PDB file of N, CA and C in Angstrom:
ATOM      1  N   MET A   1     -18.297   7.963   5.555  1.00  0.00           N
ATOM      2  CA  MET A   1     -17.778   7.826   4.207  1.00  0.00           C
ATOM      3  C   MET A   1     -17.202   6.420   4.050  1.00  0.00           C
ATOM      4  N   VAL A   2     -17.653   5.711   3.052  1.00  0.00           N
ATOM      5  CA  VAL A   2     -17.163   4.365   2.771  1.00  0.00           C
ATOM      6  C   VAL A   2     -16.160   4.443   1.629  1.00  0.00           C
ATOM      7  N   VAL A   3     -14.962   3.912   1.863  1.00  0.00           N
ATOM      8  CA  VAL A   3     -13.905   3.899   0.853  1.00  0.00           C
ATOM      9  C   VAL A   3     -13.752   2.463   0.358  1.00  0.00           C
ATOM     10  N   ASN A   4     -13.877   2.276  -0.938  1.00  0.00           N
ATOM     11  CA  ASN A   4     -13.678   0.972  -1.566  1.00  0.00           C
ATOM     12  C   ASN A   4     -12.346   0.973  -2.291  1.00  0.00           C
ATOM     13  N   VAL A   5     -11.540  -0.054  -2.025  1.00  0.00           N
ATOM     14  CA  VAL A   5     -10.221  -0.162  -2.646  1.00  0.00           C
ATOM     15  C   VAL A   5     -10.213  -1.404  -3.523  1.00  0.00           C
ATOM     16  N   SER A   6      -9.697  -1.241  -4.738  1.00  0.00           N
ATOM     17  CA  SER A   6      -9.572  -2.383  -5.645  1.00  0.00           C
ATOM     18  C   SER A   6      -8.193  -2.378  -6.279  1.00  0.00           C
ATOM     19  N   ASP A   7      -7.731  -3.574  -6.605  1.00  0.00           N
ATOM     20  CA  ASP A   7      -6.448  -3.717  -7.282  1.00  0.00           C
ATOM     21  C   ASP A   7      -6.667  -3.460  -8.768  1.00  0.00           C
ATOM     22  N   ALA A   8      -5.811  -2.657  -9.356  1.00  0.00           N
ATOM     23  CA  ALA A   8      -5.826  -2.396 -10.796  1.00  0.00           C
ATOM     24  C   ALA A   8      -4.479  -2.882 -11.335  1.00  0.00           C
ATOM     25  N   PRO A   9      -4.317  -4.213 -11.489  1.00  0.00           N
ATOM     26  CA  PRO A   9      -3.001  -4.754 -11.845  1.00  0.00           C
ATOM     27  C   PRO A   9      -2.470  -4.243 -13.179  1.00  0.00           C
ATOM     28  N   GLU A  10      -3.346  -3.892 -14.103  1.00  0.00           N
ATOM     29  CA  GLU A  10      -2.886  -3.363 -15.392  1.00  0.00           C
ATOM     30  C   GLU A  10      -2.193  -2.011 -15.230  1.00  0.00           C
ATOM     31  N   ALA A  11      -2.500  -1.309 -14.143  1.00  0.00           N
ATOM     32  CA  ALA A  11      -1.873  -0.020 -13.842  1.00  0.00           C
ATOM     33  C   ALA A  11      -0.855  -0.139 -12.705  1.00  0.00           C
ATOM     34  N   ASN A  12      -0.678  -1.352 -12.157  1.00  0.00           N
ATOM     35  CA  ASN A  12       0.232  -1.583 -11.031  1.00  0.00           C
ATOM     36  C   ASN A  12      -0.085  -0.669  -9.852  1.00  0.00           C
ATOM     37  N   ARG A  13      -1.366  -0.649  -9.484  1.00  0.00           N
ATOM     38  CA  ARG A  13      -1.736   0.183  -8.349  1.00  0.00           C
ATOM     39  C   ARG A  13      -3.064  -0.261  -7.747  1.00  0.00           C
ATOM     40  N   TYR A  14      -3.236   0.121  -6.488  1.00  0.00           N
ATOM     41  CA  TYR A  14      -4.521  -0.008  -5.824  1.00  0.00           C
ATOM     42  C   TYR A  14      -5.219   1.333  -5.962  1.00  0.00           C
ATOM     43  N   GLU A  15      -6.508   1.293  -6.228  1.00  0.00           N
ATOM     44  CA  GLU A  15      -7.279   2.517  -6.407  1.00  0.00           C
ATOM     45  C   GLU A  15      -8.386   2.587  -5.369  1.00  0.00           C
ATOM     46  N   ALA A  16      -8.556   3.764  -4.807  1.00  0.00           N
ATOM     47  CA  ALA A  16      -9.607   3.998  -3.813  1.00  0.00           C
ATOM     48  C   ALA A  16     -10.679   4.882  -4.420  1.00  0.00           C
ATOM     49  N   ARG A  17     -11.909   4.479  -4.211  1.00  0.00           N
ATOM     50  CA  ARG A  17     -13.056   5.277  -4.633  1.00  0.00           C
ATOM     51  C   ARG A  17     -14.003   5.405  -3.443  1.00  0.00           C
ATOM     52  N   VAL A  18     -14.589   6.557  -3.323  1.00  0.00           N
ATOM     53  CA  VAL A  18     -15.581   6.774  -2.283  1.00  0.00           C
ATOM     54  C   VAL A  18     -16.908   6.253  -2.815  1.00  0.00           C
ATOM     55  N   GLU A  19     -17.604   5.506  -1.964  1.00  0.00           N
ATOM     56  CA  GLU A  19     -18.870   4.905  -2.383  1.00  0.00           C
ATOM     57  C   GLU A  19     -19.805   5.958  -2.981  1.00  0.00           C
ATOM     58  N   GLY A  20     -20.351   5.626  -4.143  1.00  0.00           N
ATOM     59  CA  GLY A  20     -21.271   6.520  -4.832  1.00  0.00           C
ATOM     60  C   GLY A  20     -20.603   7.483  -5.799  1.00  0.00           C
ATOM     61  N   GLU A  21     -19.275   7.461  -5.860  1.00  0.00           N
ATOM     62  CA  GLU A  21     -18.547   8.348  -6.766  1.00  0.00           C
ATOM     63  C   GLU A  21     -17.690   7.509  -7.705  1.00  0.00           C
ATOM     64  N   SER A  22     -17.529   7.973  -8.934  1.00  0.00           N
ATOM     65  CA  SER A  22     -16.782   7.190  -9.924  1.00  0.00           C
ATOM     66  C   SER A  22     -15.314   7.593 -10.032  1.00  0.00           C
ATOM     67  N   THR A  23     -14.965   8.769  -9.576  1.00  0.00           N
ATOM     68  CA  THR A  23     -13.586   9.221  -9.709  1.00  0.00           C
ATOM     69  C   THR A  23     -12.692   8.546  -8.673  1.00  0.00           C
ATOM     70  N   VAL A  24     -11.426   8.395  -9.011  1.00  0.00           N
ATOM     71  CA  VAL A  24     -10.450   7.814  -8.097  1.00  0.00           C
ATOM     72  C   VAL A  24     -10.092   8.864  -7.048  1.00  0.00           C
ATOM     73  N   ALA A  25     -10.271   8.497  -5.772  1.00  0.00           N
ATOM     74  CA  ALA A  25      -9.972   9.407  -4.669  1.00  0.00           C
ATOM     75  C   ALA A  25      -8.496   9.346  -4.295  1.00  0.00           C
ATOM     76  N   GLY A  26      -7.850   8.222  -4.618  1.00  0.00           N
ATOM     77  CA  GLY A  26      -6.439   8.059  -4.314  1.00  0.00           C
ATOM     78  C   GLY A  26      -5.936   6.747  -4.878  1.00  0.00           C
ATOM     79  N   PHE A  27      -4.611   6.609  -4.910  1.00  0.00           N
ATOM     80  CA  PHE A  27      -4.031   5.368  -5.400  1.00  0.00           C
ATOM     81  C   PHE A  27      -2.697   5.100  -4.712  1.00  0.00           C
ATOM     82  N   ALA A  28      -2.330   3.823  -4.710  1.00  0.00           N
ATOM     83  CA  ALA A  28      -1.034   3.384  -4.187  1.00  0.00           C
ATOM     84  C   ALA A  28      -0.352   2.586  -5.283  1.00  0.00           C
ATOM     85  N   GLN A  29       0.702   3.144  -5.844  1.00  0.00           N
ATOM     86  CA  GLN A  29       1.463   2.509  -6.928  1.00  0.00           C
ATOM     87  C   GLN A  29       2.382   1.441  -6.347  1.00  0.00           C
ATOM     88  N   TYR A  30       2.489   0.305  -7.034  1.00  0.00           N
ATOM     89  CA  TYR A  30       3.344  -0.771  -6.548  1.00  0.00           C
ATOM     90  C   TYR A  30       4.114  -1.439  -7.670  1.00  0.00           C
ATOM     91  N   ILE A  31       5.164  -2.160  -7.261  1.00  0.00           N
ATOM     92  CA  ILE A  31       5.917  -3.052  -8.143  1.00  0.00           C
ATOM     93  C   ILE A  31       5.884  -4.410  -7.457  1.00  0.00           C
ATOM     94  N   ARG A  32       5.390  -5.415  -8.154  1.00  0.00           N
ATOM     95  CA  ARG A  32       5.236  -6.749  -7.558  1.00  0.00           C
ATOM     96  C   ARG A  32       6.188  -7.732  -8.217  1.00  0.00           C
ATOM     97  N   THR A  33       6.855  -8.531  -7.387  1.00  0.00           N
ATOM     98  CA  THR A  33       7.683  -9.636  -7.871  1.00  0.00           C
ATOM     99  C   THR A  33       7.115 -10.927  -7.280  1.00  0.00           C
ATOM    100  N   ALA A  34       7.781 -12.024  -7.528  1.00  0.00           N
ATOM    101  CA  ALA A  34       7.322 -13.304  -6.994  1.00  0.00           C
ATOM    102  C   ALA A  34       7.446 -13.372  -5.475  1.00  0.00           C
ATOM    103  N   GLU A  35       8.368 -12.594  -4.889  1.00  0.00           N
ATOM    104  CA  GLU A  35       8.589 -12.650  -3.447  1.00  0.00           C
ATOM    105  C   GLU A  35       8.084 -11.453  -2.666  1.00  0.00           C
ATOM    106  N   LEU A  36       7.975 -10.303  -3.327  1.00  0.00           N
ATOM    107  CA  LEU A  36       7.590  -9.119  -2.566  1.00  0.00           C
ATOM    108  C   LEU A  36       6.831  -8.120  -3.411  1.00  0.00           C
ATOM    109  N   VAL A  37       6.240  -7.171  -2.702  1.00  0.00           N
ATOM    110  CA  VAL A  37       5.580  -6.045  -3.353  1.00  0.00           C
ATOM    111  C   VAL A  37       6.193  -4.773  -2.761  1.00  0.00           C
ATOM    112  N   ALA A  38       6.648  -3.899  -3.649  1.00  0.00           N
ATOM    113  CA  ALA A  38       7.210  -2.618  -3.219  1.00  0.00           C
ATOM    114  C   ALA A  38       6.156  -1.546  -3.451  1.00  0.00           C
ATOM    115  N   PHE A  39       5.804  -0.835  -2.394  1.00  0.00           N
ATOM    116  CA  PHE A  39       4.882   0.292  -2.521  1.00  0.00           C
ATOM    117  C   PHE A  39       5.733   1.535  -2.728  1.00  0.00           C
ATOM    118  N   VAL A  40       5.600   2.141  -3.913  1.00  0.00           N
ATOM    119  CA  VAL A  40       6.534   3.190  -4.314  1.00  0.00           C
ATOM    120  C   VAL A  40       5.953   4.602  -4.297  1.00  0.00           C
ATOM    121  N   HIS A  41       4.637   4.730  -4.350  1.00  0.00           N
ATOM    122  CA  HIS A  41       4.049   6.071  -4.372  1.00  0.00           C
ATOM    123  C   HIS A  41       2.586   5.987  -3.994  1.00  0.00           C
ATOM    124  N   THR A  42       2.163   6.876  -3.127  1.00  0.00           N
ATOM    125  CA  THR A  42       0.753   6.969  -2.741  1.00  0.00           C
ATOM    126  C   THR A  42       0.309   8.405  -2.942  1.00  0.00           C
ATOM    127  N   GLU A  43      -0.864   8.550  -3.502  1.00  0.00           N
ATOM    128  CA  GLU A  43      -1.402   9.888  -3.757  1.00  0.00           C
ATOM    129  C   GLU A  43      -2.884   9.900  -3.446  1.00  0.00           C
ATOM    130  N   VAL A  44      -3.320  10.918  -2.706  1.00  0.00           N
ATOM    131  CA  VAL A  44      -4.733  11.100  -2.385  1.00  0.00           C
ATOM    132  C   VAL A  44      -5.139  12.473  -2.910  1.00  0.00           C
ATOM    133  N   SER A  45      -6.270  12.515  -3.592  1.00  0.00           N
ATOM    134  CA  SER A  45      -6.790  13.781  -4.107  1.00  0.00           C
ATOM    135  C   SER A  45      -6.998  14.753  -2.943  1.00  0.00           C
ATOM    136  N   PRO A  46      -6.638  16.019  -3.132  1.00  0.00           N
ATOM    137  CA  PRO A  46      -6.797  16.998  -2.050  1.00  0.00           C
ATOM    138  C   PRO A  46      -8.215  17.025  -1.455  1.00  0.00           C
ATOM    139  N   ALA A  47      -9.221  16.751  -2.262  1.00  0.00           N
ATOM    140  CA  ALA A  47     -10.602  16.759  -1.766  1.00  0.00           C
ATOM    141  C   ALA A  47     -10.858  15.662  -0.735  1.00  0.00           C
ATOM    142  N   TYR A  48      -9.995  14.641  -0.696  1.00  0.00           N
ATOM    143  CA  TYR A  48     -10.202  13.500   0.204  1.00  0.00           C
ATOM    144  C   TYR A  48      -9.133  13.362   1.274  1.00  0.00           C
ATOM    145  N   GLU A  49      -8.188  14.283   1.320  1.00  0.00           N
ATOM    146  CA  GLU A  49      -7.127  14.204   2.323  1.00  0.00           C
ATOM    147  C   GLU A  49      -7.713  14.268   3.729  1.00  0.00           C
ATOM    148  N   GLY A  50      -7.132  13.478   4.626  1.00  0.00           N
ATOM    149  CA  GLY A  50      -7.575  13.479   6.010  1.00  0.00           C
ATOM    150  C   GLY A  50      -8.881  12.762   6.257  1.00  0.00           C
ATOM    151  N   ARG A  51      -9.341  11.985   5.272  1.00  0.00           N
ATOM    152  CA  ARG A  51     -10.637  11.306   5.415  1.00  0.00           C
ATOM    153  C   ARG A  51     -10.505   9.779   5.370  1.00  0.00           C
ATOM    154  N   GLY A  52      -9.292   9.264   5.557  1.00  0.00           N
ATOM    155  CA  GLY A  52      -9.099   7.828   5.652  1.00  0.00           C
ATOM    156  C   GLY A  52      -8.819   7.109   4.353  1.00  0.00           C
ATOM    157  N   VAL A  53      -8.675   7.839   3.257  1.00  0.00           N
ATOM    158  CA  VAL A  53      -8.415   7.199   1.964  1.00  0.00           C
ATOM    159  C   VAL A  53      -7.027   6.553   1.955  1.00  0.00           C
ATOM    160  N   GLY A  54      -6.023   7.271   2.424  1.00  0.00           N
ATOM    161  CA  GLY A  54      -4.666   6.716   2.465  1.00  0.00           C
ATOM    162  C   GLY A  54      -4.592   5.486   3.347  1.00  0.00           C
ATOM    163  N   ALA A  55      -5.242   5.537   4.501  1.00  0.00           N
ATOM    164  CA  ALA A  55      -5.253   4.389   5.410  1.00  0.00           C
ATOM    165  C   ALA A  55      -5.941   3.193   4.761  1.00  0.00           C
ATOM    166  N   ALA A  56      -7.023   3.439   4.040  1.00  0.00           N
ATOM    167  CA  ALA A  56      -7.725   2.340   3.354  1.00  0.00           C
ATOM    168  C   ALA A  56      -6.835   1.719   2.285  1.00  0.00           C
ATOM    169  N   LEU A  57      -6.090   2.550   1.562  1.00  0.00           N
ATOM    170  CA  LEU A  57      -5.159   2.032   0.554  1.00  0.00           C
ATOM    171  C   LEU A  57      -4.065   1.193   1.206  1.00  0.00           C
ATOM    172  N   ALA A  58      -3.493   1.689   2.293  1.00  0.00           N
ATOM    173  CA  ALA A  58      -2.421   0.967   2.974  1.00  0.00           C
ATOM    174  C   ALA A  58      -2.940  -0.371   3.499  1.00  0.00           C
ATOM    175  N   ARG A  59      -4.058  -0.340   4.185  1.00  0.00           N
ATOM    176  CA  ARG A  59      -4.602  -1.571   4.765  1.00  0.00           C
ATOM    177  C   ARG A  59      -4.917  -2.595   3.676  1.00  0.00           C
ATOM    178  N   ALA A  60      -5.544  -2.164   2.586  1.00  0.00           N
ATOM    179  CA  ALA A  60      -5.909  -3.095   1.508  1.00  0.00           C
ATOM    180  C   ALA A  60      -4.669  -3.682   0.846  1.00  0.00           C
ATOM    181  N   GLY A  61      -3.682  -2.842   0.567  1.00  0.00           N
ATOM    182  CA  GLY A  61      -2.454  -3.326  -0.067  1.00  0.00           C
ATOM    183  C   GLY A  61      -1.690  -4.287   0.827  1.00  0.00           C
ATOM    184  N   LEU A  62      -1.608  -3.967   2.103  1.00  0.00           N
ATOM    185  CA  LEU A  62      -0.874  -4.822   3.036  1.00  0.00           C
ATOM    186  C   LEU A  62      -1.624  -6.117   3.317  1.00  0.00           C
ATOM    187  N   ASP A  63      -2.936  -6.041   3.419  1.00  0.00           N
ATOM    188  CA  ASP A  63      -3.721  -7.266   3.619  1.00  0.00           C
ATOM    189  C   ASP A  63      -3.602  -8.192   2.407  1.00  0.00           C
ATOM    190  N   ALA A  64      -3.580  -7.606   1.211  1.00  0.00           N
ATOM    191  CA  ALA A  64      -3.421  -8.417  -0.008  1.00  0.00           C
ATOM    192  C   ALA A  64      -2.032  -9.064  -0.045  1.00  0.00           C
ATOM    193  N   ALA A  65      -1.014  -8.320   0.369  1.00  0.00           N
ATOM    194  CA  ALA A  65       0.349  -8.880   0.415  1.00  0.00           C
ATOM    195  C   ALA A  65       0.394 -10.051   1.389  1.00  0.00           C
ATOM    196  N   ARG A  66      -0.213  -9.878   2.546  1.00  0.00           N
ATOM    197  CA  ARG A  66      -0.236 -10.959   3.537  1.00  0.00           C
ATOM    198  C   ARG A  66      -0.961 -12.187   2.981  1.00  0.00           C
ATOM    199  N   ALA A  67      -2.092 -11.973   2.338  1.00  0.00           N
ATOM    200  CA  ALA A  67      -2.875 -13.084   1.783  1.00  0.00           C
ATOM    201  C   ALA A  67      -2.097 -13.826   0.698  1.00  0.00           C
ATOM    202  N   ALA A  68      -1.248 -13.101  -0.047  1.00  0.00           N
ATOM    203  CA  ALA A  68      -0.448 -13.705  -1.116  1.00  0.00           C
ATOM    204  C   ALA A  68       0.907 -14.204  -0.602  1.00  0.00           C
ATOM    205  N   ASN A  69       1.135 -14.086   0.706  1.00  0.00           N
ATOM    206  CA  ASN A  69       2.391 -14.513   1.319  1.00  0.00           C
ATOM    207  C   ASN A  69       3.594 -13.765   0.734  1.00  0.00           C
ATOM    208  N   LEU A  70       3.425 -12.455   0.519  1.00  0.00           N
ATOM    209  CA  LEU A  70       4.486 -11.610  -0.013  1.00  0.00           C
ATOM    210  C   LEU A  70       5.037 -10.705   1.078  1.00  0.00           C
ATOM    211  N   LEU A  71       6.324 -10.425   1.017  1.00  0.00           N
ATOM    212  CA  LEU A  71       6.918  -9.418   1.877  1.00  0.00           C
ATOM    213  C   LEU A  71       6.673  -8.049   1.245  1.00  0.00           C
ATOM    214  N   VAL A  72       6.869  -7.008   2.027  1.00  0.00           N
ATOM    215  CA  VAL A  72       6.581  -5.642   1.592  1.00  0.00           C
ATOM    216  C   VAL A  72       7.835  -4.791   1.713  1.00  0.00           C
ATOM    217  N   LEU A  73       8.102  -4.017   0.679  1.00  0.00           N
ATOM    218  CA  LEU A  73       9.183  -3.041   0.690  1.00  0.00           C
ATOM    219  C   LEU A  73       8.530  -1.664   0.591  1.00  0.00           C
ATOM    220  N   PRO A  74       8.391  -0.967   1.721  1.00  0.00           N
ATOM    221  CA  PRO A  74       7.681   0.312   1.710  1.00  0.00           C
ATOM    222  C   PRO A  74       8.605   1.486   1.373  1.00  0.00           C
ATOM    223  N   THR A  75       8.903   1.684   0.091  1.00  0.00           N
ATOM    224  CA  THR A  75       9.754   2.807  -0.295  1.00  0.00           C
ATOM    225  C   THR A  75       8.978   4.118  -0.295  1.00  0.00           C
ATOM    226  N   CYS A  76       7.676   4.050  -0.374  1.00  0.00           N
ATOM    227  CA  CYS A  76       6.821   5.232  -0.283  1.00  0.00           C
ATOM    228  C   CYS A  76       6.811   5.716   1.169  1.00  0.00           C
ATOM    229  N   PRO A  77       7.114   6.988   1.416  1.00  0.00           N
ATOM    230  CA  PRO A  77       7.128   7.493   2.795  1.00  0.00           C
ATOM    231  C   PRO A  77       5.793   7.313   3.518  1.00  0.00           C
ATOM    232  N   PHE A  78       4.678   7.425   2.795  1.00  0.00           N
ATOM    233  CA  PHE A  78       3.381   7.240   3.449  1.00  0.00           C
ATOM    234  C   PHE A  78       3.248   5.818   3.972  1.00  0.00           C
ATOM    235  N   PHE A  79       3.547   4.829   3.135  1.00  0.00           N
ATOM    236  CA  PHE A  79       3.451   3.435   3.558  1.00  0.00           C
ATOM    237  C   PHE A  79       4.417   3.137   4.701  1.00  0.00           C
ATOM    238  N   ALA A  80       5.643   3.624   4.610  1.00  0.00           N
ATOM    239  CA  ALA A  80       6.628   3.390   5.672  1.00  0.00           C
ATOM    240  C   ALA A  80       6.127   3.960   7.000  1.00  0.00           C
ATOM    241  N   GLY A  81       5.612   5.167   6.970  1.00  0.00           N
ATOM    242  CA  GLY A  81       5.093   5.788   8.190  1.00  0.00           C
ATOM    243  C   GLY A  81       3.864   5.082   8.717  1.00  0.00           C
ATOM    244  N   TRP A  82       2.987   4.651   7.823  1.00  0.00           N
ATOM    245  CA  TRP A  82       1.764   3.971   8.239  1.00  0.00           C
ATOM    246  C   TRP A  82       2.105   2.647   8.912  1.00  0.00           C
ATOM    247  N   ILE A  83       3.021   1.902   8.327  1.00  0.00           N
ATOM    248  CA  ILE A  83       3.433   0.623   8.920  1.00  0.00           C
ATOM    249  C   ILE A  83       4.088   0.864  10.286  1.00  0.00           C
ATOM    250  N   ALA A  84       4.883   1.911  10.412  1.00  0.00           N
ATOM    251  CA  ALA A  84       5.534   2.214  11.690  1.00  0.00           C
ATOM    252  C   ALA A  84       4.499   2.478  12.784  1.00  0.00           C
ATOM    253  N   ARG A  85       3.355   3.034  12.423  1.00  0.00           N
ATOM    254  CA  ARG A  85       2.295   3.315  13.397  1.00  0.00           C
ATOM    255  C   ARG A  85       1.345   2.142  13.615  1.00  0.00           C
ATOM    256  N   HIS A  86       1.491   1.082  12.821  1.00  0.00           N
ATOM    257  CA  HIS A  86       0.605  -0.084  12.916  1.00  0.00           C
ATOM    258  C   HIS A  86       1.454  -1.351  13.025  1.00  0.00           C
ATOM    259  N   PRO A  87       1.877  -1.682  14.242  1.00  0.00           N
ATOM    260  CA  PRO A  87       2.796  -2.799  14.440  1.00  0.00           C
ATOM    261  C   PRO A  87       2.264  -4.147  13.954  1.00  0.00           C
ATOM    262  N   GLU A  88       0.973  -4.274  13.790  1.00  0.00           N
ATOM    263  CA  GLU A  88       0.421  -5.545  13.304  1.00  0.00           C
ATOM    264  C   GLU A  88       0.830  -5.850  11.863  1.00  0.00           C
ATOM    265  N   TYR A  89       1.408  -4.875  11.164  1.00  0.00           N
ATOM    266  CA  TYR A  89       1.862  -5.080   9.793  1.00  0.00           C
ATOM    267  C   TYR A  89       3.388  -5.125   9.666  1.00  0.00           C
ATOM    268  N   GLN A  90       4.113  -4.882  10.732  1.00  0.00           N
ATOM    269  CA  GLN A  90       5.567  -4.803  10.652  1.00  0.00           C
ATOM    270  C   GLN A  90       6.222  -6.131  10.297  1.00  0.00           C
ATOM    271  N   ASP A  91       5.542  -7.243  10.545  1.00  0.00           N
ATOM    272  CA  ASP A  91       6.117  -8.542  10.183  1.00  0.00           C
ATOM    273  C   ASP A  91       6.188  -8.744   8.672  1.00  0.00           C
ATOM    274  N   LEU A  92       5.481  -7.919   7.916  1.00  0.00           N
ATOM    275  CA  LEU A  92       5.497  -8.030   6.455  1.00  0.00           C
ATOM    276  C   LEU A  92       6.706  -7.344   5.820  1.00  0.00           C
ATOM    277  N   VAL A  93       7.359  -6.462   6.546  1.00  0.00           N
ATOM    278  CA  VAL A  93       8.418  -5.633   5.967  1.00  0.00           C
ATOM    279  C   VAL A  93       9.642  -6.471   5.625  1.00  0.00           C
ATOM    280  N   TYR A  94      10.062  -6.334   4.392  1.00  0.00           N
ATOM    281  CA  TYR A  94      11.247  -7.024   3.890  1.00  0.00           C
ATOM    282  C   TYR A  94      12.481  -6.530   4.620  1.00  0.00           C
ATOM    283  N   GLN A  95      13.292  -7.464   5.082  1.00  0.00           N
ATOM    284  CA  GLN A  95      14.575  -7.145   5.713  1.00  0.00           C
ATOM    285  C   GLN A  95      15.659  -7.832   4.901  1.00  0.00           C
ATOM    286  N   SER A  96      16.616  -7.078   4.454  1.00  0.00           N
ATOM    287  CA  SER A  96      17.724  -7.659   3.701  1.00  0.00           C
ATOM    288  C   SER A  96      18.459  -8.654   4.580  1.00  0.00           C
ATOM    289  N   ARG A  97      18.686  -9.826   4.028  1.00  0.00           N
ATOM    290  CA  ARG A  97      19.365 -10.859   4.794  1.00  0.00           C
ATOM    291  C   ARG A  97      20.783 -11.117   4.263  1.00  0.00           C
ATOM    292  N   SER A  98      21.208 -10.314   3.319  1.00  0.00           N
ATOM    293  CA  SER A  98      22.553 -10.497   2.783  1.00  0.00           C
ATOM    294  C   SER A  98      23.571  -9.880   3.740  1.00  0.00           C
ATOM    295  N   ARG A  99      24.732 -10.471   3.747  1.00  0.00           N
ATOM    296  CA  ARG A  99      25.815  -9.974   4.593  1.00  0.00           C
ATOM    297  C   ARG A  99      27.038  -9.740   3.733  1.00  0.00           C
ATOM    298  N   VAL A 100      27.714  -8.700   4.069  1.00  0.00           N
ATOM    299  CA  VAL A 100      28.992  -8.426   3.415  1.00  0.00           C
ATOM    300  C   VAL A 100      30.073  -9.004   4.308  1.00  0.00           C
ATOM    301  N   SER A 101      30.899  -9.875   3.752  1.00  0.00           N
ATOM    302  CA  SER A 101      31.973 -10.453   4.551  1.00  0.00           C
ATOM    303  C   SER A 101      33.282  -9.757   4.212  1.00  0.00           C
ATOM    304  N   ASP A 102      34.177  -9.793   5.173  1.00  0.00           N
ATOM    305  CA  ASP A 102      35.477  -9.134   4.994  1.00  0.00           C
ATOM    306  C   ASP A 102      36.380  -9.933   4.105  1.00  0.00           C
TER     307      ASP A 102
END
């Protein structure tokens, strides 16, 4: 099964389609700023669960963030878990650098 992922900036999401089918198999909703992209929700159609659609969405979104030199804020539990299992993407994760002083 070939999964194609494309950015749909007008909808603020990446969309996954299975080759040869027109319906969206899954999507990853995001909020993008000049410095980072927050992945806030990922959804895969039940018909495609467990078939690599979520992984394709995560990889495409994270690769695009890296190419755009953006940090990633994975508020979506799927993205957070996926990044935790794929250390090659952990350098993209936004870390708050602010400090509270006494």
